[in-house]
Amino acid sequence: MKKTVPAESASAFIDAKINELGDWRGKTFAKVRAIIHKADPEIVEEVKWMGTPVFSHGGIVCTGETYKSVVKLTFAKGAALKDPAGLFNSSLDGNVRRAIDIREGDRVDEAALKDLIRAAVAHNLEALNLKTKGKSKPKPKPKPRPTSSKRAG
């Protein structure tokens, strides 16, 4: 069973994680988090899979992870997205995900990242829309036939 932390707790968890890092990774993660929210104010923060920050809208947009040498944004359906700025630089071989590894000193292209976030949200919402279009509305129940007092004979 998936365990998800409520949004308020998730935001507090992510705040604590950023403060706990206290180095370039915390600053970088805080910056990309702010960019994500600027790109789509309806993004929901969650924490899944033993403490992984997740940004969602209509489904998972991306996860935010911190490692010793990188801050990683993994886009759940990144392979389906156009990346004209070439931000994706990791997990390029898979059929579904794509990731951006940000190293110390790397410049984050805010405009390109916003475009990617918006494209991921649009992709999620389009997929949701297709799912709901495929489901037919329940058919109305037929009206009962009036009973006849005449017997067939």
Protein backbone atom coordinates (compact mmCIF):
# COMPACT_ATOMS: atom_id res chain seq x y z
CA MET A 1 0.00 0.00 0.00
CA LYS A 2 1.28 3.47 -0.88
CA LYS A 3 1.88 5.76 2.05
CA THR A 4 1.41 9.44 1.35
CA VAL A 5 2.01 12.22 3.85
CA PRO A 6 -0.77 14.87 3.96
CA ALA A 7 0.08 18.04 1.97
CA GLU A 8 0.60 20.29 5.02
CA SER A 9 2.91 17.74 6.61
CA ALA A 10 4.65 17.14 3.28
CA SER A 11 5.47 20.84 2.89
CA ALA A 12 6.79 20.94 6.45
CA PHE A 13 8.83 17.78 5.77
CA ILE A 14 10.35 19.36 2.63
CA ASP A 15 11.08 22.59 4.53
CA ALA A 16 12.88 20.57 7.19
CA LYS A 17 14.83 18.60 4.58
CA ILE A 18 16.01 21.82 2.92
CA ASN A 19 17.06 23.32 6.27
CA GLU A 20 18.75 20.09 7.30
CA LEU A 21 20.91 20.04 4.17
CA GLY A 22 22.22 23.52 4.89
CA ASP A 23 24.54 23.60 1.88
CA TRP A 24 24.32 24.23 -1.88
CA ARG A 25 21.91 21.27 -2.21
CA GLY A 26 19.40 22.85 0.18
CA LYS A 27 19.63 26.21 -1.61
CA THR A 28 19.30 24.56 -5.02
CA PHE A 29 16.36 22.39 -3.95
CA ALA A 30 14.62 25.44 -2.44
CA LYS A 31 15.16 27.32 -5.70
CA VAL A 32 13.75 24.58 -7.96
CA ARG A 33 10.85 24.08 -5.56
CA ALA A 34 9.99 27.79 -5.87
CA ILE A 35 10.27 27.55 -9.68
CA ILE A 36 7.93 24.55 -9.70
CA HIS A 37 5.32 26.50 -7.71
CA LYS A 38 5.72 29.58 -9.93
CA ALA A 39 5.19 27.41 -13.01
CA ASP A 40 2.00 25.91 -11.56
CA PRO A 41 0.52 27.30 -8.33
CA GLU A 42 -1.80 24.26 -8.15
CA ILE A 43 1.11 21.84 -7.64
CA VAL A 44 0.59 19.64 -4.59
CA GLU A 45 3.55 18.58 -2.48
CA GLU A 46 3.58 15.02 -1.21
CA VAL A 47 6.09 12.71 0.41
CA LYS A 48 6.14 9.11 -0.80
CA TRP A 49 8.42 6.10 -0.89
CA MET A 50 10.20 6.50 2.42
CA GLY A 51 10.67 10.26 2.29
CA THR A 52 10.86 11.25 -1.38
CA PRO A 53 9.41 14.71 -2.08
CA VAL A 54 6.85 14.49 -4.90
CA PHE A 55 5.26 17.34 -6.85
CA SER A 56 1.87 16.45 -8.35
CA HIS A 57 -0.95 17.90 -10.40
CA GLY A 58 -3.22 15.42 -12.14
CA GLY A 59 -0.60 12.80 -11.33
CA ILE A 60 3.08 12.90 -10.50
CA VAL A 61 4.91 15.74 -12.25
CA CYS A 62 8.33 15.12 -10.74
CA THR A 63 10.19 13.99 -7.66
CA GLY A 64 12.91 16.00 -5.97
CA GLU A 65 15.83 14.11 -4.52
CA THR A 66 19.12 15.19 -3.06
CA TYR A 67 22.30 13.15 -3.27
CA LYS A 68 25.89 13.88 -2.33
CA SER A 69 26.78 15.43 -5.68
CA VAL A 70 23.41 16.29 -7.31
CA VAL A 71 19.93 17.60 -6.78
CA LYS A 72 17.80 15.39 -9.03
CA LEU A 73 14.40 16.19 -10.51
CA THR A 74 12.89 13.03 -11.98
CA PHE A 75 9.92 13.58 -14.28
CA ALA A 76 7.56 10.61 -14.05
CA LYS A 77 6.55 10.83 -17.72
CA GLY A 78 9.51 12.80 -18.99
CA ALA A 79 10.06 10.66 -22.07
CA ALA A 80 6.71 11.90 -23.41
CA LEU A 81 7.70 15.58 -23.03
CA LYS A 82 9.46 17.83 -25.48
CA ASP A 83 12.63 19.30 -24.02
CA PRO A 84 13.80 21.95 -26.49
CA ALA A 85 16.21 23.50 -23.97
CA GLY A 86 17.86 20.12 -23.32
CA LEU A 87 17.38 20.15 -19.54
CA PHE A 88 17.09 16.37 -19.28
CA ASN A 89 20.58 15.03 -18.68
CA SER A 90 19.95 11.81 -16.76
CA SER A 91 17.81 8.65 -17.09
CA LEU A 92 17.77 9.17 -20.84
CA ASP A 93 17.63 5.49 -21.81
CA GLY A 94 14.25 4.61 -20.32
CA ASN A 95 10.88 4.62 -22.04
CA VAL A 96 9.04 6.64 -19.39
CA ARG A 97 11.12 8.76 -17.02
CA ARG A 98 13.66 11.50 -17.58
CA ALA A 99 15.69 13.38 -15.01
CA ILE A 100 17.63 16.58 -14.52
CA ASP A 101 20.78 16.34 -12.41
CA ILE A 102 21.82 19.71 -11.02
CA ARG A 103 25.38 19.84 -9.74
CA GLU A 104 27.00 22.42 -7.50
CA GLY A 105 27.57 25.60 -9.48
CA ASP A 106 25.13 24.68 -12.28
CA ARG A 107 22.84 27.47 -13.45
CA VAL A 108 19.14 26.56 -13.44
CA ASP A 109 17.34 27.78 -16.56
CA GLU A 110 14.19 29.02 -14.81
CA ALA A 111 12.18 29.69 -17.98
CA ALA A 112 12.97 26.28 -19.48
CA LEU A 113 12.21 24.48 -16.20
CA LYS A 114 8.86 26.30 -15.93
CA ASP A 115 8.04 25.23 -19.48
CA LEU A 116 8.89 21.62 -18.65
CA ILE A 117 6.76 21.68 -15.48
CA ARG A 118 3.81 23.14 -17.41
CA ALA A 119 4.24 20.52 -20.14
CA ALA A 120 4.27 17.72 -17.55
CA VAL A 121 1.10 19.07 -15.91
CA ALA A 122 -0.61 19.41 -19.32
CA HIS A 123 0.40 15.84 -20.16
CA ASN A 124 -1.07 14.57 -16.86
CA LEU A 125 -4.32 16.49 -17.30
CA GLU A 126 -4.67 15.33 -20.90
CA ALA A 127 -4.21 11.71 -19.80
CA LEU A 128 -6.83 12.19 -17.08
CA ASN A 129 -9.22 13.74 -19.59
CA LEU A 130 -8.76 10.80 -21.96
CA LYS A 131 -9.47 8.36 -19.14
CA THR A 132 -12.71 10.09 -18.21
CA LYS A 133 -13.83 10.46 -21.85
CA GLY A 134 -13.50 6.73 -22.35
CA LYS A 135 -15.94 5.97 -19.59
CA SER A 136 -19.52 6.02 -20.76
CA LYS A 137 -22.27 7.56 -18.72
CA PRO A 138 -24.66 5.07 -17.18
CA LYS A 139 -27.65 4.43 -19.40
CA PRO A 140 -30.97 5.61 -18.03
CA LYS A 141 -33.20 2.86 -16.75
CA PRO A 142 -36.00 2.02 -19.14
CA LYS A 143 -39.42 3.22 -18.07
CA PRO A 144 -41.73 0.42 -17.02
CA ARG A 145 -44.29 -0.54 -19.62
CA PRO A 146 -47.83 0.22 -18.71
CA THR A 147 -49.72 -2.88 -17.79
CA SER A 148 -52.70 -3.67 -19.89
CA SER A 149 -55.97 -4.79 -18.41
CA LYS A 150 -56.76 -6.63 -21.61
CA ARG A 151 -55.52 -10.15 -21.95
CA ALA A 152 -54.24 -11.40 -25.21
CA GLY A 153 -56.49 -14.03 -26.46
